[in-house]
Every structure is written in C-alpha cells, then in structure tokens.
PDB file of all heavy atoms in Angstrom:
ATOM      1  N   ALA A   1     -54.096  -7.023 -18.527  1.00  0.00           N
ATOM      2  CA  ALA A   1     -54.406  -8.456 -18.599  1.00  0.00           C
ATOM      3  C   ALA A   1     -54.803  -8.986 -17.223  1.00  0.00           C
ATOM      4  O   ALA A   1     -55.746  -9.781 -17.101  1.00  0.00           O
ATOM      5  CB  ALA A   1     -53.210  -9.228 -19.150  1.00  0.00           C
ATOM      6  N   LEU A   2     -54.115  -8.527 -16.183  1.00  0.00           N
ATOM      7  CA  LEU A   2     -54.470  -8.934 -14.824  1.00  0.00           C
ATOM      8  C   LEU A   2     -55.847  -8.405 -14.443  1.00  0.00           C
ATOM      9  O   LEU A   2     -56.671  -9.127 -13.867  1.00  0.00           O
ATOM     10  CB  LEU A   2     -53.407  -8.448 -13.834  1.00  0.00           C
ATOM     11  CG  LEU A   2     -53.657  -8.699 -12.351  1.00  0.00           C
ATOM     12  CD1 LEU A   2     -53.949 -10.167 -12.062  1.00  0.00           C
ATOM     13  CD2 LEU A   2     -52.473  -8.210 -11.533  1.00  0.00           C
ATOM     14  N   LEU A   3     -56.138  -7.156 -14.793  1.00  0.00           N
ATOM     15  CA  LEU A   3     -57.473  -6.606 -14.529  1.00  0.00           C
ATOM     16  C   LEU A   3     -58.539  -7.413 -15.258  1.00  0.00           C
ATOM     17  O   LEU A   3     -59.606  -7.687 -14.703  1.00  0.00           O
ATOM     18  CB  LEU A   3     -57.550  -5.138 -14.962  1.00  0.00           C
ATOM     19  CG  LEU A   3     -56.715  -4.123 -14.192  1.00  0.00           C
ATOM     20  CD1 LEU A   3     -56.892  -2.731 -14.793  1.00  0.00           C
ATOM     21  CD2 LEU A   3     -57.044  -4.123 -12.714  1.00  0.00           C
ATOM     22  N   ASP A   4     -58.264  -7.801 -16.496  1.00  0.00           N
ATOM     23  CA  ASP A   4     -59.224  -8.595 -17.279  1.00  0.00           C
ATOM     24  C   ASP A   4     -59.503  -9.941 -16.628  1.00  0.00           C
ATOM     25  O   ASP A   4     -60.647 -10.384 -16.583  1.00  0.00           O
ATOM     26  CB  ASP A   4     -58.699  -8.827 -18.703  1.00  0.00           C
ATOM     27  CG  ASP A   4     -58.702  -7.570 -19.550  1.00  0.00           C
ATOM     28  OD1 ASP A   4     -59.403  -6.599 -19.201  1.00  0.00           O
ATOM     29  OD2 ASP A   4     -57.978  -7.557 -20.573  1.00  0.00           O
ATOM     30  N   GLU A   5     -58.458 -10.598 -16.127  1.00  0.00           N
ATOM     31  CA  GLU A   5     -58.661 -11.919 -15.526  1.00  0.00           C
ATOM     32  C   GLU A   5     -59.262 -11.834 -14.132  1.00  0.00           C
ATOM     33  O   GLU A   5     -60.223 -12.525 -13.818  1.00  0.00           O
ATOM     34  CB  GLU A   5     -57.349 -12.702 -15.444  1.00  0.00           C
ATOM     35  CG  GLU A   5     -57.576 -14.072 -14.817  1.00  0.00           C
ATOM     36  CD  GLU A   5     -56.338 -14.919 -14.689  1.00  0.00           C
ATOM     37  OE1 GLU A   5     -55.405 -14.766 -15.498  1.00  0.00           O
ATOM     38  OE2 GLU A   5     -56.311 -15.747 -13.754  1.00  0.00           O
ATOM     39  N   PHE A   6     -58.703 -10.987 -13.274  1.00  0.00           N
ATOM     40  CA  PHE A   6     -59.102 -10.961 -11.862  1.00  0.00           C
ATOM     41  C   PHE A   6     -60.384 -10.164 -11.619  1.00  0.00           C
ATOM     42  O   PHE A   6     -61.157 -10.492 -10.741  1.00  0.00           O
ATOM     43  CB  PHE A   6     -57.949 -10.425 -11.015  1.00  0.00           C
ATOM     44  CG  PHE A   6     -58.205 -10.481  -9.540  1.00  0.00           C
ATOM     45  CD1 PHE A   6     -58.379 -11.701  -8.894  1.00  0.00           C
ATOM     46  CD2 PHE A   6     -58.258  -9.323  -8.780  1.00  0.00           C
ATOM     47  CE1 PHE A   6     -58.606 -11.765  -7.522  1.00  0.00           C
ATOM     48  CE2 PHE A   6     -58.474  -9.368  -7.412  1.00  0.00           C
ATOM     49  CZ  PHE A   6     -58.651 -10.594  -6.782  1.00  0.00           C
ATOM     50  N   LYS A   7     -60.599  -9.095 -12.367  1.00  0.00           N
ATOM     51  CA  LYS A   7     -61.763  -8.222 -12.235  1.00  0.00           C
ATOM     52  C   LYS A   7     -61.935  -7.714 -10.791  1.00  0.00           C
ATOM     53  O   LYS A   7     -62.935  -7.992 -10.133  1.00  0.00           O
ATOM     54  CB  LYS A   7     -63.029  -8.930 -12.706  1.00  0.00           C
ATOM     55  CG  LYS A   7     -62.977  -9.325 -14.170  1.00  0.00           C
ATOM     56  CD  LYS A   7     -64.254  -9.989 -14.619  1.00  0.00           C
ATOM     57  CE  LYS A   7     -64.277 -10.436 -16.041  1.00  0.00           C
ATOM     58  NZ  LYS A   7     -63.109 -10.475 -16.832  1.00  0.00           N
ATOM     59  N   PRO A   8     -60.950  -6.941 -10.316  1.00  0.00           N
ATOM     60  CA  PRO A   8     -61.002  -6.478  -8.922  1.00  0.00           C
ATOM     61  C   PRO A   8     -62.084  -5.421  -8.687  1.00  0.00           C
ATOM     62  O   PRO A   8     -62.462  -4.683  -9.594  1.00  0.00           O
ATOM     63  CB  PRO A   8     -59.618  -5.871  -8.710  1.00  0.00           C
ATOM     64  CG  PRO A   8     -59.194  -5.412 -10.059  1.00  0.00           C
ATOM     65  CD  PRO A   8     -59.763  -6.432 -11.017  1.00  0.00           C
ATOM     66  N   ASP A   9     -62.554  -5.381  -7.446  1.00  0.00           N
ATOM     67  CA  ASP A   9     -63.455  -4.307  -7.015  1.00  0.00           C
ATOM     68  C   ASP A   9     -62.645  -3.088  -6.603  1.00  0.00           C
ATOM     69  O   ASP A   9     -63.104  -1.957  -6.727  1.00  0.00           O
ATOM     70  CB  ASP A   9     -64.296  -4.778  -5.822  1.00  0.00           C
ATOM     71  CG  ASP A   9     -65.140  -5.986  -6.156  1.00  0.00           C
ATOM     72  OD1 ASP A   9     -65.932  -5.896  -7.112  1.00  0.00           O
ATOM     73  OD2 ASP A   9     -64.997  -7.019  -5.480  1.00  0.00           O
ATOM     74  N   VAL A  10     -61.445  -3.352  -6.062  1.00  0.00           N
ATOM     75  CA  VAL A  10     -60.564  -2.299  -5.566  1.00  0.00           C
ATOM     76  C   VAL A  10     -59.127  -2.632  -5.965  1.00  0.00           C
ATOM     77  O   VAL A  10     -58.720  -3.790  -5.911  1.00  0.00           O
ATOM     78  CB  VAL A  10     -60.635  -2.193  -4.017  1.00  0.00           C
ATOM     79  CG1 VAL A  10     -59.637  -1.182  -3.474  1.00  0.00           C
ATOM     80  CG2 VAL A  10     -62.040  -1.849  -3.560  1.00  0.00           C
ATOM     81  N   VAL A  11     -58.389  -1.602  -6.350  1.00  0.00           N
ATOM     82  CA  VAL A  11     -56.944  -1.722  -6.562  1.00  0.00           C
ATOM     83  C   VAL A  11     -56.282  -0.900  -5.469  1.00  0.00           C
ATOM     84  O   VAL A  11     -56.571   0.289  -5.322  1.00  0.00           O
ATOM     85  CB  VAL A  11     -56.522  -1.210  -7.960  1.00  0.00           C
ATOM     86  CG1 VAL A  11     -55.015  -1.162  -8.078  1.00  0.00           C
ATOM     87  CG2 VAL A  11     -57.124  -2.076  -9.049  1.00  0.00           C
ATOM     88  N   HIS A  12     -55.443  -1.549  -4.674  1.00  0.00           N
ATOM     89  CA  HIS A  12     -54.734  -0.865  -3.585  1.00  0.00           C
ATOM     90  C   HIS A  12     -53.266  -0.759  -3.965  1.00  0.00           C
ATOM     91  O   HIS A  12     -52.550  -1.760  -4.012  1.00  0.00           O
ATOM     92  CB  HIS A  12     -54.905  -1.641  -2.281  1.00  0.00           C
ATOM     93  CG  HIS A  12     -54.270  -0.948  -1.109  1.00  0.00           C
ATOM     94  ND1 HIS A  12     -54.403  -1.414   0.168  1.00  0.00           N
ATOM     95  CD2 HIS A  12     -53.499   0.160  -1.007  1.00  0.00           C
ATOM     96  CE1 HIS A  12     -53.740  -0.624   0.998  1.00  0.00           C
ATOM     97  NE2 HIS A  12     -53.182   0.335   0.290  1.00  0.00           N
ATOM     98  N   LEU A  13     -52.827   0.465  -4.229  1.00  0.00           N
ATOM     99  CA  LEU A  13     -51.448   0.741  -4.635  1.00  0.00           C
ATOM    100  C   LEU A  13     -50.601   1.072  -3.416  1.00  0.00           C
ATOM    101  O   LEU A  13     -51.075   1.711  -2.482  1.00  0.00           O
ATOM    102  CB  LEU A  13     -51.418   1.926  -5.602  1.00  0.00           C
ATOM    103  CG  LEU A  13     -52.355   1.843  -6.807  1.00  0.00           C
ATOM    104  CD1 LEU A  13     -52.292   3.135  -7.605  1.00  0.00           C
ATOM    105  CD2 LEU A  13     -52.033   0.648  -7.660  1.00  0.00           C
ATOM    106  N   ASN A  14     -49.370   0.644  -3.454  1.00  0.00           N
ATOM    107  CA  ASN A  14     -48.418   0.969  -2.401  1.00  0.00           C
ATOM    108  C   ASN A  14     -47.215   1.627  -3.055  1.00  0.00           C
ATOM    109  O   ASN A  14     -47.359   2.617  -3.719  1.00  0.00           O
ATOM    110  CB  ASN A  14     -48.069  -0.292  -1.602  1.00  0.00           C
ATOM    111  CG  ASN A  14     -49.246  -0.725  -0.755  1.00  0.00           C
ATOM    112  OD1 ASN A  14     -49.485  -0.188   0.308  1.00  0.00           O
ATOM    113  ND2 ASN A  14     -50.020  -1.684  -1.238  1.00  0.00           N
ATOM    114  N   ASN A  15     -46.036   1.110  -2.890  1.00  0.00           N
ATOM    115  CA  ASN A  15     -44.828   1.687  -3.478  1.00  0.00           C
ATOM    116  C   ASN A  15     -44.699   1.216  -4.923  1.00  0.00           C
ATOM    117  O   ASN A  15     -44.219   0.122  -5.176  1.00  0.00           O
ATOM    118  CB  ASN A  15     -43.609   1.262  -2.658  1.00  0.00           C
ATOM    119  CG  ASN A  15     -42.899   2.435  -2.042  1.00  0.00           C
ATOM    120  OD1 ASN A  15     -43.174   3.575  -2.371  1.00  0.00           O
ATOM    121  ND2 ASN A  15     -41.974   2.155  -1.149  1.00  0.00           N
ATOM    122  N   ILE A  16     -45.131   2.017  -5.858  1.00  0.00           N
ATOM    123  CA  ILE A  16     -45.183   1.601  -7.266  1.00  0.00           C
ATOM    124  C   ILE A  16     -44.425   2.528  -8.200  1.00  0.00           C
ATOM    125  O   ILE A  16     -44.251   2.207  -9.369  1.00  0.00           O
ATOM    126  CB  ILE A  16     -46.643   1.515  -7.762  1.00  0.00           C
ATOM    127  CG1 ILE A  16     -47.302   2.877  -7.667  1.00  0.00           C
ATOM    128  CG2 ILE A  16     -47.419   0.468  -6.993  1.00  0.00           C
ATOM    129  CD1 ILE A  16     -48.546   3.025  -8.489  1.00  0.00           C
ATOM    130  N   HIS A  17     -43.964   3.683  -7.721  1.00  0.00           N
ATOM    131  CA  HIS A  17     -43.504   4.761  -8.614  1.00  0.00           C
ATOM    132  C   HIS A  17     -42.395   4.381  -9.579  1.00  0.00           C
ATOM    133  O   HIS A  17     -42.503   4.622 -10.763  1.00  0.00           O
ATOM    134  CB  HIS A  17     -43.061   6.007  -7.844  1.00  0.00           C
ATOM    135  CG  HIS A  17     -43.460   6.048  -6.420  1.00  0.00           C
ATOM    136  ND1 HIS A  17     -42.714   5.500  -5.423  1.00  0.00           N
ATOM    137  CD2 HIS A  17     -44.550   6.542  -5.829  1.00  0.00           C
ATOM    138  CE1 HIS A  17     -43.316   5.672  -4.272  1.00  0.00           C
ATOM    139  NE2 HIS A  17     -44.428   6.305  -4.492  1.00  0.00           N
ATOM    140  N   THR A  18     -41.304   3.806  -9.128  1.00  0.00           N
ATOM    141  CA  THR A  18     -40.157   3.570 -10.006  1.00  0.00           C
ATOM    142  C   THR A  18     -40.221   2.218 -10.701  1.00  0.00           C
ATOM    143  O   THR A  18     -40.053   2.124 -11.908  1.00  0.00           O
ATOM    144  CB  THR A  18     -38.840   3.680  -9.201  1.00  0.00           C
ATOM    145  OG1 THR A  18     -38.818   4.951  -8.554  1.00  0.00           O
ATOM    146  CG2 THR A  18     -37.641   3.559 -10.104  1.00  0.00           C
ATOM    147  N   GLN A  19     -40.469   1.150  -9.954  1.00  0.00           N
ATOM    148  CA  GLN A  19     -40.410  -0.188 -10.534  1.00  0.00           C
ATOM    149  C   GLN A  19     -41.685  -0.574 -11.283  1.00  0.00           C
ATOM    150  O   GLN A  19     -41.650  -1.435 -12.147  1.00  0.00           O
ATOM    151  CB  GLN A  19     -40.123  -1.224  -9.440  1.00  0.00           C
ATOM    152  CG  GLN A  19     -38.687  -1.230  -8.976  1.00  0.00           C
ATOM    153  CD  GLN A  19     -38.363  -0.144  -7.954  1.00  0.00           C
ATOM    154  OE1 GLN A  19     -39.200   0.667  -7.601  1.00  0.00           O
ATOM    155  NE2 GLN A  19     -37.129  -0.130  -7.499  1.00  0.00           N
ATOM    156  N   LEU A  20     -42.791   0.021 -10.970  1.00  0.00           N
ATOM    157  CA  LEU A  20     -44.029  -0.221 -11.725  1.00  0.00           C
ATOM    158  C   LEU A  20     -44.345   1.084 -12.443  1.00  0.00           C
ATOM    159  O   LEU A  20     -43.578   1.505 -13.276  1.00  0.00           O
ATOM    160  CB  LEU A  20     -45.145  -0.695 -10.789  1.00  0.00           C
ATOM    161  CG  LEU A  20     -44.858  -2.034 -10.100  1.00  0.00           C
ATOM    162  CD1 LEU A  20     -45.923  -2.354  -9.069  1.00  0.00           C
ATOM    163  CD2 LEU A  20     -44.732  -3.149 -11.104  1.00  0.00           C
ATOM    164  N   SER A  21     -45.442   1.750 -12.101  1.00  0.00           N
ATOM    165  CA  SER A  21     -45.721   3.060 -12.685  1.00  0.00           C
ATOM    166  C   SER A  21     -47.035   3.590 -12.135  1.00  0.00           C
ATOM    167  O   SER A  21     -47.990   2.835 -11.998  1.00  0.00           O
ATOM    168  CB  SER A  21     -45.829   2.964 -14.209  1.00  0.00           C
ATOM    169  OG  SER A  21     -46.285   4.197 -14.732  1.00  0.00           O
ATOM    170  N   PRO A  22     -47.108   4.893 -11.876  1.00  0.00           N
ATOM    171  CA  PRO A  22     -48.386   5.484 -11.474  1.00  0.00           C
ATOM    172  C   PRO A  22     -49.475   5.346 -12.547  1.00  0.00           C
ATOM    173  O   PRO A  22     -50.647   5.509 -12.250  1.00  0.00           O
ATOM    174  CB  PRO A  22     -48.040   6.956 -11.238  1.00  0.00           C
ATOM    175  CG  PRO A  22     -46.586   6.945 -10.888  1.00  0.00           C
ATOM    176  CD  PRO A  22     -46.003   5.842 -11.749  1.00  0.00           C
ATOM    177  N   ILE A  23     -49.080   5.004 -13.770  1.00  0.00           N
ATOM    178  CA  ILE A  23     -50.059   4.837 -14.847  1.00  0.00           C
ATOM    179  C   ILE A  23     -51.098   3.771 -14.490  1.00  0.00           C
ATOM    180  O   ILE A  23     -52.227   3.819 -14.974  1.00  0.00           O
ATOM    181  CB  ILE A  23     -49.363   4.518 -16.193  1.00  0.00           C
ATOM    182  CG1 ILE A  23     -50.313   4.720 -17.380  1.00  0.00           C
ATOM    183  CG2 ILE A  23     -48.858   3.086 -16.231  1.00  0.00           C
ATOM    184  CD1 ILE A  23     -50.558   6.145 -17.719  1.00  0.00           C
ATOM    185  N   ILE A  24     -50.730   2.832 -13.618  1.00  0.00           N
ATOM    186  CA  ILE A  24     -51.685   1.775 -13.282  1.00  0.00           C
ATOM    187  C   ILE A  24     -52.886   2.326 -12.514  1.00  0.00           C
ATOM    188  O   ILE A  24     -53.975   1.769 -12.610  1.00  0.00           O
ATOM    189  CB  ILE A  24     -51.028   0.576 -12.566  1.00  0.00           C
ATOM    190  CG1 ILE A  24     -50.483   0.939 -11.199  1.00  0.00           C
ATOM    191  CG2 ILE A  24     -49.939  -0.031 -13.453  1.00  0.00           C
ATOM    192  CD1 ILE A  24     -49.889  -0.239 -10.432  1.00  0.00           C
ATOM    193  N   ALA A  25     -52.709   3.418 -11.781  1.00  0.00           N
ATOM    194  CA  ALA A  25     -53.848   4.062 -11.105  1.00  0.00           C
ATOM    195  C   ALA A  25     -54.842   4.573 -12.154  1.00  0.00           C
ATOM    196  O   ALA A  25     -56.055   4.392 -12.021  1.00  0.00           O
ATOM    197  CB  ALA A  25     -53.374   5.207 -10.221  1.00  0.00           C
ATOM    198  N   GLU A  26     -54.314   5.186 -13.188  1.00  0.00           N
ATOM    199  CA  GLU A  26     -55.167   5.707 -14.267  1.00  0.00           C
ATOM    200  C   GLU A  26     -55.862   4.577 -15.027  1.00  0.00           C
ATOM    201  O   GLU A  26     -57.044   4.671 -15.352  1.00  0.00           O
ATOM    202  CB  GLU A  26     -54.321   6.547 -15.223  1.00  0.00           C
ATOM    203  CG  GLU A  26     -55.134   7.208 -16.317  1.00  0.00           C
ATOM    204  CD  GLU A  26     -54.292   8.081 -17.224  1.00  0.00           C
ATOM    205  OE1 GLU A  26     -53.156   8.434 -16.878  1.00  0.00           O
ATOM    206  OE2 GLU A  26     -54.798   8.397 -18.320  1.00  0.00           O
ATOM    207  N   LEU A  27     -55.137   3.495 -15.298  1.00  0.00           N
ATOM    208  CA  LEU A  27     -55.733   2.358 -16.015  1.00  0.00           C
ATOM    209  C   LEU A  27     -56.890   1.750 -15.232  1.00  0.00           C
ATOM    210  O   LEU A  27     -57.930   1.405 -15.810  1.00  0.00           O
ATOM    211  CB  LEU A  27     -54.669   1.298 -16.308  1.00  0.00           C
ATOM    212  CG  LEU A  27     -53.564   1.709 -17.275  1.00  0.00           C
ATOM    213  CD1 LEU A  27     -52.452   0.665 -17.294  1.00  0.00           C
ATOM    214  CD2 LEU A  27     -54.120   1.941 -18.671  1.00  0.00           C
ATOM    215  N   ALA A  28     -56.733   1.630 -13.918  1.00  0.00           N
ATOM    216  CA  ALA A  28     -57.817   1.098 -13.080  1.00  0.00           C
ATOM    217  C   ALA A  28     -58.988   2.092 -13.036  1.00  0.00           C
ATOM    218  O   ALA A  28     -60.154   1.705 -13.178  1.00  0.00           O
ATOM    219  CB  ALA A  28     -57.314   0.807 -11.675  1.00  0.00           C
TER     220      ALA A  28
END
C-alpha cells in the first residue's frame, strides 16, 4: 500500500530482519 501511494524510485533497507521482513526487498 505504501509502494502504491508513494511510488518510490529507490527503496533503501536498513535493519529490517526481525521487526519487518526481508520479504519487502522482494516486493520492491
């Protein structure tokens, strides 16, 4: 939903492993 609204050119991931998920790299 955030990708749909914001439409980023780049997604910059930092510490995401436990509280978010590496799946967001794949979704982007």
